[in-house]
Amino acid sequence: MEMKFKQPLFLFGILLSTALACQALPTLTTEPLNEIVEPTAIPTEPPVKASVLVEDSFDDPASGFLSLRDEEGITDYDQGGYRIKVDKPEWFFWVESGRTFTDVKIDVDAKKIGGPDNNEYGVICRYQDENNFYFFTITSDGYYGVSKQLSDEISLIGMTELKSSSAINQVDGENHITVVCDGNKLQFSVNGTLLAELEDDSFSSGDIGMIAASGDDPGTDILFDNLLVTSP
């Protein structure tokens, strides 16, 4: 999969500073009170728990994801997870959940179980159709990228090429991928390390999914597990 078209990065994060004005108040003389009123404690609200939208360990082949096997590759339940294998060079396969969401946080474990290290695999967010969606990918040789398919064009967002990170477990190491799509804000983390934080308003809602891609050499083979989609 070639990604030669580029998109500028819109980093966000505004530093706010406040100045407090102080003024002396006049001294007041008051009569002592016979009763001391203790302040009333304000009850602490419990933290709001994120709503679980999708949770799948892929142990049940009937949980709702597509099963497909042909000469170009595989998307199927396998080995206690969900497997995407790409047997065509410079090609990508993906699978969606068949639902529509607005703002989501996506967590999934993924690792290479076969094929070359020159690959890409990761998560889809705000999938509208096969020509319109965001995807967040890493490679087995330690690179990452945030991309979108908009109509017939695939472009990186916020970078001119894939970037390297020591946070990515290479070769066949397992990686925990976290993606947040919240309003026009996009975040991409791997193994607890924030790799990218940017803004894009091309898509405001859509499905979630998993994706894998091959380079010049076919055979990319990725196993996903422990998918969890929550409200951000």
C-alpha atoms as a PDB file:
ATOM      1  CA  MET A   1       0.000   0.000   0.000  1.00  0.00           C
ATOM      2  CA  GLU A   2       1.624   3.205  -1.161  1.00  0.00           C
ATOM      3  CA  MET A   3       1.023   6.397   0.836  1.00  0.00           C
ATOM      4  CA  LYS A   4       2.596   9.226  -1.127  1.00  0.00           C
ATOM      5  CA  PHE A   5       0.077  11.991  -0.532  1.00  0.00           C
ATOM      6  CA  LYS A   6       0.565  14.083   2.571  1.00  0.00           C
ATOM      7  CA  GLN A   7      -1.649  16.076   4.888  1.00  0.00           C
ATOM      8  CA  PRO A   8      -0.546  18.866   7.274  1.00  0.00           C
ATOM      9  CA  LEU A   9      -0.713  18.259  10.987  1.00  0.00           C
ATOM     10  CA  PHE A  10      -2.956  20.273  13.227  1.00  0.00           C
ATOM     11  CA  LEU A  11      -1.538  19.808  16.702  1.00  0.00           C
ATOM     12  CA  PHE A  12      -3.713  20.954  19.532  1.00  0.00           C
ATOM     13  CA  GLY A  13      -3.062  22.006  23.052  1.00  0.00           C
ATOM     14  CA  ILE A  14      -3.510  25.583  24.203  1.00  0.00           C
ATOM     15  CA  LEU A  15      -1.625  26.817  27.233  1.00  0.00           C
ATOM     16  CA  LEU A  16      -3.921  28.894  29.402  1.00  0.00           C
ATOM     17  CA  SER A  17      -2.658  31.328  32.024  1.00  0.00           C
ATOM     18  CA  THR A  18      -4.750  33.309  34.500  1.00  0.00           C
ATOM     19  CA  ALA A  19      -3.838  36.369  36.532  1.00  0.00           C
ATOM     20  CA  LEU A  20      -5.502  36.826  39.901  1.00  0.00           C
ATOM     21  CA  ALA A  21      -6.170  40.395  41.078  1.00  0.00           C
ATOM     22  CA  CYS A  22      -5.922  40.970  44.843  1.00  0.00           C
ATOM     23  CA  GLN A  23      -7.341  43.883  46.793  1.00  0.00           C
ATOM     24  CA  ALA A  24      -7.269  44.593  50.570  1.00  0.00           C
ATOM     25  CA  LEU A  25     -10.655  44.608  52.290  1.00  0.00           C
ATOM     26  CA  PRO A  26     -11.595  46.939  55.203  1.00  0.00           C
ATOM     27  CA  THR A  27     -11.575  45.447  58.723  1.00  0.00           C
ATOM     28  CA  LEU A  28     -15.050  44.864  60.137  1.00  0.00           C
ATOM     29  CA  THR A  29     -15.991  44.779  63.851  1.00  0.00           C
ATOM     30  CA  THR A  30     -18.588  42.132  64.681  1.00  0.00           C
ATOM     31  CA  GLU A  31     -20.306  40.822  67.789  1.00  0.00           C
ATOM     32  CA  PRO A  32     -19.205  37.299  68.819  1.00  0.00           C
ATOM     33  CA  LEU A  33     -21.653  34.506  68.051  1.00  0.00           C
ATOM     34  CA  ASN A  34     -22.831  32.076  70.692  1.00  0.00           C
ATOM     35  CA  GLU A  35     -23.005  29.159  68.246  1.00  0.00           C
ATOM     36  CA  ILE A  36     -20.315  27.980  65.886  1.00  0.00           C
ATOM     37  CA  VAL A  37     -21.735  26.475  62.716  1.00  0.00           C
ATOM     38  CA  GLU A  38     -19.567  23.722  61.231  1.00  0.00           C
ATOM     39  CA  PRO A  39     -19.251  23.703  57.436  1.00  0.00           C
ATOM     40  CA  THR A  40     -21.307  21.078  55.656  1.00  0.00           C
ATOM     41  CA  ALA A  41     -19.291  18.540  53.718  1.00  0.00           C
ATOM     42  CA  ILE A  42     -20.105  18.418  50.008  1.00  0.00           C
ATOM     43  CA  PRO A  43     -20.491  14.821  48.836  1.00  0.00           C
ATOM     44  CA  THR A  44     -17.933  13.714  46.270  1.00  0.00           C
ATOM     45  CA  GLU A  45     -19.383  12.480  43.013  1.00  0.00           C
ATOM     46  CA  PRO A  46     -18.019   9.085  41.941  1.00  0.00           C
ATOM     47  CA  PRO A  47     -15.997   9.117  38.713  1.00  0.00           C
ATOM     48  CA  VAL A  48     -18.018   8.504  35.581  1.00  0.00           C
ATOM     49  CA  LYS A  49     -17.292   5.083  34.120  1.00  0.00           C
ATOM     50  CA  ALA A  50     -16.820   4.775  30.381  1.00  0.00           C
ATOM     51  CA  SER A  51     -19.688   3.041  28.610  1.00  0.00           C
ATOM     52  CA  VAL A  52     -18.680  -0.212  26.933  1.00  0.00           C
ATOM     53  CA  LEU A  53     -19.810  -0.137  23.302  1.00  0.00           C
ATOM     54  CA  VAL A  54     -18.074  -3.263  21.973  1.00  0.00           C
ATOM     55  CA  GLU A  55     -16.154  -5.966  23.826  1.00  0.00           C
ATOM     56  CA  ASP A  56     -14.870  -9.079  22.064  1.00  0.00           C
ATOM     57  CA  SER A  57     -12.200 -11.633  22.944  1.00  0.00           C
ATOM     58  CA  PHE A  58     -12.948 -13.437  19.645  1.00  0.00           C
ATOM     59  CA  ASP A  59     -13.498 -16.758  21.416  1.00  0.00           C
ATOM     60  CA  ASP A  60     -16.954 -17.025  19.840  1.00  0.00           C
ATOM     61  CA  PRO A  61     -16.925 -17.231  16.009  1.00  0.00           C
ATOM     62  CA  ALA A  62     -20.540 -16.064  16.037  1.00  0.00           C
ATOM     63  CA  SER A  63     -19.797 -12.747  17.778  1.00  0.00           C
ATOM     64  CA  GLY A  64     -20.507 -10.796  14.601  1.00  0.00           C
ATOM     65  CA  PHE A  65     -17.319 -10.167  12.609  1.00  0.00           C
ATOM     66  CA  LEU A  66     -17.042 -11.310   8.997  1.00  0.00           C
ATOM     67  CA  SER A  67     -15.330 -14.604   8.152  1.00  0.00           C
ATOM     68  CA  LEU A  68     -13.741 -14.702   4.698  1.00  0.00           C
ATOM     69  CA  ARG A  69     -11.067 -16.851   3.080  1.00  0.00           C
ATOM     70  CA  ASP A  70     -10.000 -16.547  -0.565  1.00  0.00           C
ATOM     71  CA  GLU A  71      -6.886 -16.367  -2.727  1.00  0.00           C
ATOM     72  CA  GLU A  72      -6.163 -12.780  -1.657  1.00  0.00           C
ATOM     73  CA  GLY A  73      -6.247 -13.412   2.080  1.00  0.00           C
ATOM     74  CA  ILE A  74      -8.114 -14.248   5.263  1.00  0.00           C
ATOM     75  CA  THR A  75     -10.313 -12.373   7.730  1.00  0.00           C
ATOM     76  CA  ASP A  76     -11.518 -14.934  10.247  1.00  0.00           C
ATOM     77  CA  TYR A  77     -11.630 -16.145  13.841  1.00  0.00           C
ATOM     78  CA  ASP A  78      -8.500 -18.190  14.504  1.00  0.00           C
ATOM     79  CA  GLN A  79      -6.198 -19.232  17.374  1.00  0.00           C
ATOM     80  CA  GLY A  80      -8.418 -17.599  19.997  1.00  0.00           C
ATOM     81  CA  GLY A  81      -8.303 -14.224  18.254  1.00  0.00           C
ATOM     82  CA  TYR A  82      -9.228 -12.553  14.980  1.00  0.00           C
ATOM     83  CA  ARG A  83      -6.825 -13.120  12.105  1.00  0.00           C
ATOM     84  CA  ILE A  84      -6.190 -10.910   9.077  1.00  0.00           C
ATOM     85  CA  LYS A  85      -3.839 -12.348   6.454  1.00  0.00           C
ATOM     86  CA  VAL A  86      -2.963 -10.508   3.238  1.00  0.00           C
ATOM     87  CA  ASP A  87      -1.712 -12.729   0.413  1.00  0.00           C
ATOM     88  CA  LYS A  88      -1.603 -10.010  -2.243  1.00  0.00           C
ATOM     89  CA  PRO A  89       1.322  -7.535  -2.469  1.00  0.00           C
ATOM     90  CA  GLU A  90       0.630  -3.849  -1.751  1.00  0.00           C
ATOM     91  CA  TRP A  91      -2.876  -4.619  -0.577  1.00  0.00           C
ATOM     92  CA  PHE A  92      -4.887  -4.273   2.592  1.00  0.00           C
ATOM     93  CA  PHE A  93      -7.708  -6.169   4.248  1.00  0.00           C
ATOM     94  CA  TRP A  94      -9.945  -4.921   7.015  1.00  0.00           C
ATOM     95  CA  VAL A  95     -13.053  -5.880   8.964  1.00  0.00           C
ATOM     96  CA  GLU A  96     -15.689  -3.681  10.636  1.00  0.00           C
ATOM     97  CA  SER A  97     -18.165  -4.322  13.448  1.00  0.00           C
ATOM     98  CA  GLY A  98     -21.246  -3.351  11.416  1.00  0.00           C
ATOM     99  CA  ARG A  99     -22.255  -0.491  13.728  1.00  0.00           C
ATOM    100  CA  THR A 100     -22.064   3.299  13.790  1.00  0.00           C
ATOM    101  CA  PHE A 101     -20.452   5.398  16.528  1.00  0.00           C
ATOM    102  CA  THR A 102     -19.559   9.036  17.044  1.00  0.00           C
ATOM    103  CA  ASP A 103     -16.863   9.388  19.730  1.00  0.00           C
ATOM    104  CA  VAL A 104     -14.947   6.256  20.733  1.00  0.00           C
ATOM    105  CA  LYS A 105     -11.862   4.895  22.466  1.00  0.00           C
ATOM    106  CA  ILE A 106     -10.593   1.681  20.883  1.00  0.00           C
ATOM    107  CA  ASP A 107      -8.219  -0.779  22.585  1.00  0.00           C
ATOM    108  CA  VAL A 108      -6.926  -3.987  21.027  1.00  0.00           C
ATOM    109  CA  ASP A 109      -3.938  -6.328  21.292  1.00  0.00           C
ATOM    110  CA  ALA A 110      -2.220  -7.316  18.047  1.00  0.00           C
ATOM    111  CA  LYS A 111       0.853  -9.215  16.915  1.00  0.00           C
ATOM    112  CA  LYS A 112       2.429 -10.616  13.789  1.00  0.00           C
ATOM    113  CA  ILE A 113       2.093 -14.392  13.485  1.00  0.00           C
ATOM    114  CA  GLY A 114       3.601 -14.683  10.015  1.00  0.00           C
ATOM    115  CA  GLY A 115       4.903 -12.870   6.977  1.00  0.00           C
ATOM    116  CA  PRO A 116       7.462 -10.082   6.506  1.00  0.00           C
ATOM    117  CA  ASP A 117       8.181  -7.258   8.957  1.00  0.00           C
ATOM    118  CA  ASN A 118       7.465  -4.798   6.132  1.00  0.00           C
ATOM    119  CA  ASN A 119       3.767  -4.674   6.938  1.00  0.00           C
ATOM    120  CA  GLU A 120       1.128  -2.470   8.553  1.00  0.00           C
ATOM    121  CA  TYR A 121      -1.609  -3.337  11.021  1.00  0.00           C
ATOM    122  CA  GLY A 122      -3.892  -1.522  13.410  1.00  0.00           C
ATOM    123  CA  VAL A 123      -7.302   0.030  13.957  1.00  0.00           C
ATOM    124  CA  ILE A 124      -9.975   1.715  11.859  1.00  0.00           C
ATOM    125  CA  CYS A 125     -12.094   4.578  13.196  1.00  0.00           C
ATOM    126  CA  ARG A 126     -15.134   6.338  11.705  1.00  0.00           C
ATOM    127  CA  TYR A 127     -15.502   3.959   8.801  1.00  0.00           C
ATOM    128  CA  GLN A 128     -18.270   5.252   6.528  1.00  0.00           C
ATOM    129  CA  ASP A 129     -17.652   3.097   3.467  1.00  0.00           C
ATOM    130  CA  GLU A 130     -14.702   1.462   1.738  1.00  0.00           C
ATOM    131  CA  ASN A 131     -13.489   4.841   0.484  1.00  0.00           C
ATOM    132  CA  ASN A 132     -13.876   6.967   3.619  1.00  0.00           C
ATOM    133  CA  PHE A 133     -12.306   6.213   7.021  1.00  0.00           C
ATOM    134  CA  TYR A 134      -9.367   6.835   9.371  1.00  0.00           C
ATOM    135  CA  PHE A 135      -6.791   4.128  10.088  1.00  0.00           C
ATOM    136  CA  PHE A 136      -4.010   3.996  12.679  1.00  0.00           C
ATOM    137  CA  THR A 137      -1.235   1.507  11.939  1.00  0.00           C
ATOM    138  CA  ILE A 138       2.115   0.223  13.135  1.00  0.00           C
ATOM    139  CA  THR A 139       4.691  -2.004  11.435  1.00  0.00           C
ATOM    140  CA  SER A 140       6.640  -5.006  12.673  1.00  0.00           C
ATOM    141  CA  ASP A 141       9.881  -3.089  12.154  1.00  0.00           C
ATOM    142  CA  GLY A 142       8.888  -0.285  14.542  1.00  0.00           C
ATOM    143  CA  TYR A 143       7.104   2.429  12.548  1.00  0.00           C
ATOM    144  CA  TYR A 144       3.677   4.045  12.895  1.00  0.00           C
ATOM    145  CA  GLY A 145       1.315   6.309  10.989  1.00  0.00           C
ATOM    146  CA  VAL A 146      -2.104   7.951  11.121  1.00  0.00           C
ATOM    147  CA  SER A 147      -3.874   7.938   7.759  1.00  0.00           C
ATOM    148  CA  LYS A 148      -7.210   8.459   6.100  1.00  0.00           C
ATOM    149  CA  GLN A 149      -8.859   7.236   2.964  1.00  0.00           C
ATOM    150  CA  LEU A 150     -10.910  10.096   1.548  1.00  0.00           C
ATOM    151  CA  SER A 151     -12.707   9.191  -1.672  1.00  0.00           C
ATOM    152  CA  ASP A 152     -10.004   7.633  -3.872  1.00  0.00           C
ATOM    153  CA  GLU A 153      -7.009   9.111  -2.042  1.00  0.00           C
ATOM    154  CA  ILE A 154      -5.021   7.627   0.839  1.00  0.00           C
ATOM    155  CA  SER A 155      -2.964  10.172   2.766  1.00  0.00           C
ATOM    156  CA  LEU A 156      -0.930  10.355   5.944  1.00  0.00           C
ATOM    157  CA  ILE A 157      -2.153  12.873   8.514  1.00  0.00           C
ATOM    158  CA  GLY A 158       0.431  15.009  10.275  1.00  0.00           C
ATOM    159  CA  MET A 159       3.562  13.455   8.797  1.00  0.00           C
ATOM    160  CA  THR A 160       5.307  13.122   5.469  1.00  0.00           C
ATOM    161  CA  GLU A 161       6.301   9.507   6.096  1.00  0.00           C
ATOM    162  CA  LEU A 162       5.879   6.796   8.710  1.00  0.00           C
ATOM    163  CA  LYS A 163       7.741   7.587  11.946  1.00  0.00           C
ATOM    164  CA  SER A 164       9.726   5.208  14.137  1.00  0.00           C
ATOM    165  CA  SER A 165       9.114   4.617  17.848  1.00  0.00           C
ATOM    166  CA  SER A 166      10.873   2.479  20.438  1.00  0.00           C
ATOM    167  CA  ALA A 167       7.473   1.960  22.112  1.00  0.00           C
ATOM    168  CA  ILE A 168       6.524  -0.518  19.379  1.00  0.00           C
ATOM    169  CA  ASN A 169       7.421  -4.157  20.022  1.00  0.00           C
ATOM    170  CA  GLN A 170       9.005  -5.329  16.792  1.00  0.00           C
ATOM    171  CA  VAL A 171       8.993  -8.579  14.796  1.00  0.00           C
ATOM    172  CA  ASP A 172       6.418 -10.892  16.439  1.00  0.00           C
ATOM    173  CA  GLY A 173       6.070  -8.965  19.709  1.00  0.00           C
ATOM    174  CA  GLU A 174       2.547  -8.184  20.904  1.00  0.00           C
ATOM    175  CA  ASN A 175       1.426  -4.541  20.918  1.00  0.00           C
ATOM    176  CA  HIS A 176      -1.471  -2.923  22.751  1.00  0.00           C
ATOM    177  CA  ILE A 177      -3.007  -0.320  20.443  1.00  0.00           C
ATOM    178  CA  THR A 178      -5.197   2.519  21.744  1.00  0.00           C
ATOM    179  CA  VAL A 179      -7.018   4.983  19.497  1.00  0.00           C
ATOM    180  CA  VAL A 180      -9.301   7.847  20.534  1.00  0.00           C
ATOM    181  CA  CYS A 181     -11.590   9.595  18.050  1.00  0.00           C
ATOM    182  CA  ASP A 182     -13.326  12.350  20.009  1.00  0.00           C
ATOM    183  CA  GLY A 183     -14.863  15.231  18.089  1.00  0.00           C
ATOM    184  CA  ASN A 184     -12.173  16.350  15.660  1.00  0.00           C
ATOM    185  CA  LYS A 185      -9.399  15.136  17.969  1.00  0.00           C
ATOM    186  CA  LEU A 186      -7.461  11.963  17.153  1.00  0.00           C
ATOM    187  CA  GLN A 187      -5.023  10.199  19.507  1.00  0.00           C
ATOM    188  CA  PHE A 188      -2.840   7.174  18.812  1.00  0.00           C
ATOM    189  CA  SER A 189      -1.009   5.286  21.572  1.00  0.00           C
ATOM    190  CA  VAL A 190       0.944   2.025  21.567  1.00  0.00           C
ATOM    191  CA  ASN A 191       1.809   0.126  24.748  1.00  0.00           C
ATOM    192  CA  GLY A 192       0.800   3.140  26.849  1.00  0.00           C
ATOM    193  CA  THR A 193       2.965   5.640  24.944  1.00  0.00           C
ATOM    194  CA  LEU A 194       1.216   8.488  23.113  1.00  0.00           C
ATOM    195  CA  LEU A 195       2.595   8.559  19.568  1.00  0.00           C
ATOM    196  CA  ALA A 196       0.316  11.056  17.830  1.00  0.00           C
ATOM    197  CA  GLU A 197      -2.205  13.682  18.877  1.00  0.00           C
ATOM    198  CA  LEU A 198      -3.811  15.721  16.112  1.00  0.00           C
ATOM    199  CA  GLU A 199      -7.002  17.150  14.653  1.00  0.00           C
ATOM    200  CA  ASP A 200      -8.959  16.323  11.516  1.00  0.00           C
ATOM    201  CA  ASP A 201     -12.602  16.940  10.683  1.00  0.00           C
ATOM    202  CA  SER A 202     -13.026  14.781   7.584  1.00  0.00           C
ATOM    203  CA  PHE A 203     -15.277  12.276   9.379  1.00  0.00           C
ATOM    204  CA  SER A 204     -17.451  12.793  12.465  1.00  0.00           C
ATOM    205  CA  SER A 205     -18.932   9.303  12.844  1.00  0.00           C
ATOM    206  CA  GLY A 206     -18.734   5.772  11.518  1.00  0.00           C
ATOM    207  CA  ASP A 207     -17.809   2.194  12.328  1.00  0.00           C
ATOM    208  CA  ILE A 208     -14.708   0.757  14.003  1.00  0.00           C
ATOM    209  CA  GLY A 209     -12.557  -2.063  12.728  1.00  0.00           C
ATOM    210  CA  MET A 210      -9.190  -3.753  12.364  1.00  0.00           C
ATOM    211  CA  ILE A 211      -6.863  -3.557   9.372  1.00  0.00           C
ATOM    212  CA  ALA A 212      -3.695  -5.170   8.003  1.00  0.00           C
ATOM    213  CA  ALA A 213      -1.662  -4.362   4.890  1.00  0.00           C
ATOM    214  CA  SER A 214       1.160  -5.887   2.884  1.00  0.00           C
ATOM    215  CA  GLY A 215       4.115  -4.174   1.245  1.00  0.00           C
ATOM    216  CA  ASP A 216       6.067  -5.430  -1.752  1.00  0.00           C
ATOM    217  CA  ASP A 217       6.035  -8.945  -0.303  1.00  0.00           C
ATOM    218  CA  PRO A 218       2.700 -10.640   0.426  1.00  0.00           C
ATOM    219  CA  GLY A 219       1.948 -12.769   3.465  1.00  0.00           C
ATOM    220  CA  THR A 220       1.251 -10.216   6.217  1.00  0.00           C
ATOM    221  CA  ASP A 221      -0.422 -12.277   8.953  1.00  0.00           C
ATOM    222  CA  ILE A 222      -1.769 -10.509  12.062  1.00  0.00           C
ATOM    223  CA  LEU A 223      -3.720 -11.816  15.061  1.00  0.00           C
ATOM    224  CA  PHE A 224      -5.933  -9.392  17.017  1.00  0.00           C
ATOM    225  CA  ASP A 225      -7.357 -10.037  20.484  1.00  0.00           C
ATOM    226  CA  ASN A 226      -9.183  -8.379  23.398  1.00  0.00           C
ATOM    227  CA  LEU A 227     -11.030  -5.699  21.456  1.00  0.00           C
ATOM    228  CA  LEU A 228     -12.645  -3.086  23.708  1.00  0.00           C
ATOM    229  CA  VAL A 229     -14.535  -0.037  22.458  1.00  0.00           C
ATOM    230  CA  THR A 230     -15.737   2.502  25.025  1.00  0.00           C
ATOM    231  CA  SER A 231     -16.944   6.072  25.166  1.00  0.00           C
ATOM    232  CA  PRO A 232     -13.902   8.375  25.566  1.00  0.00           C
END
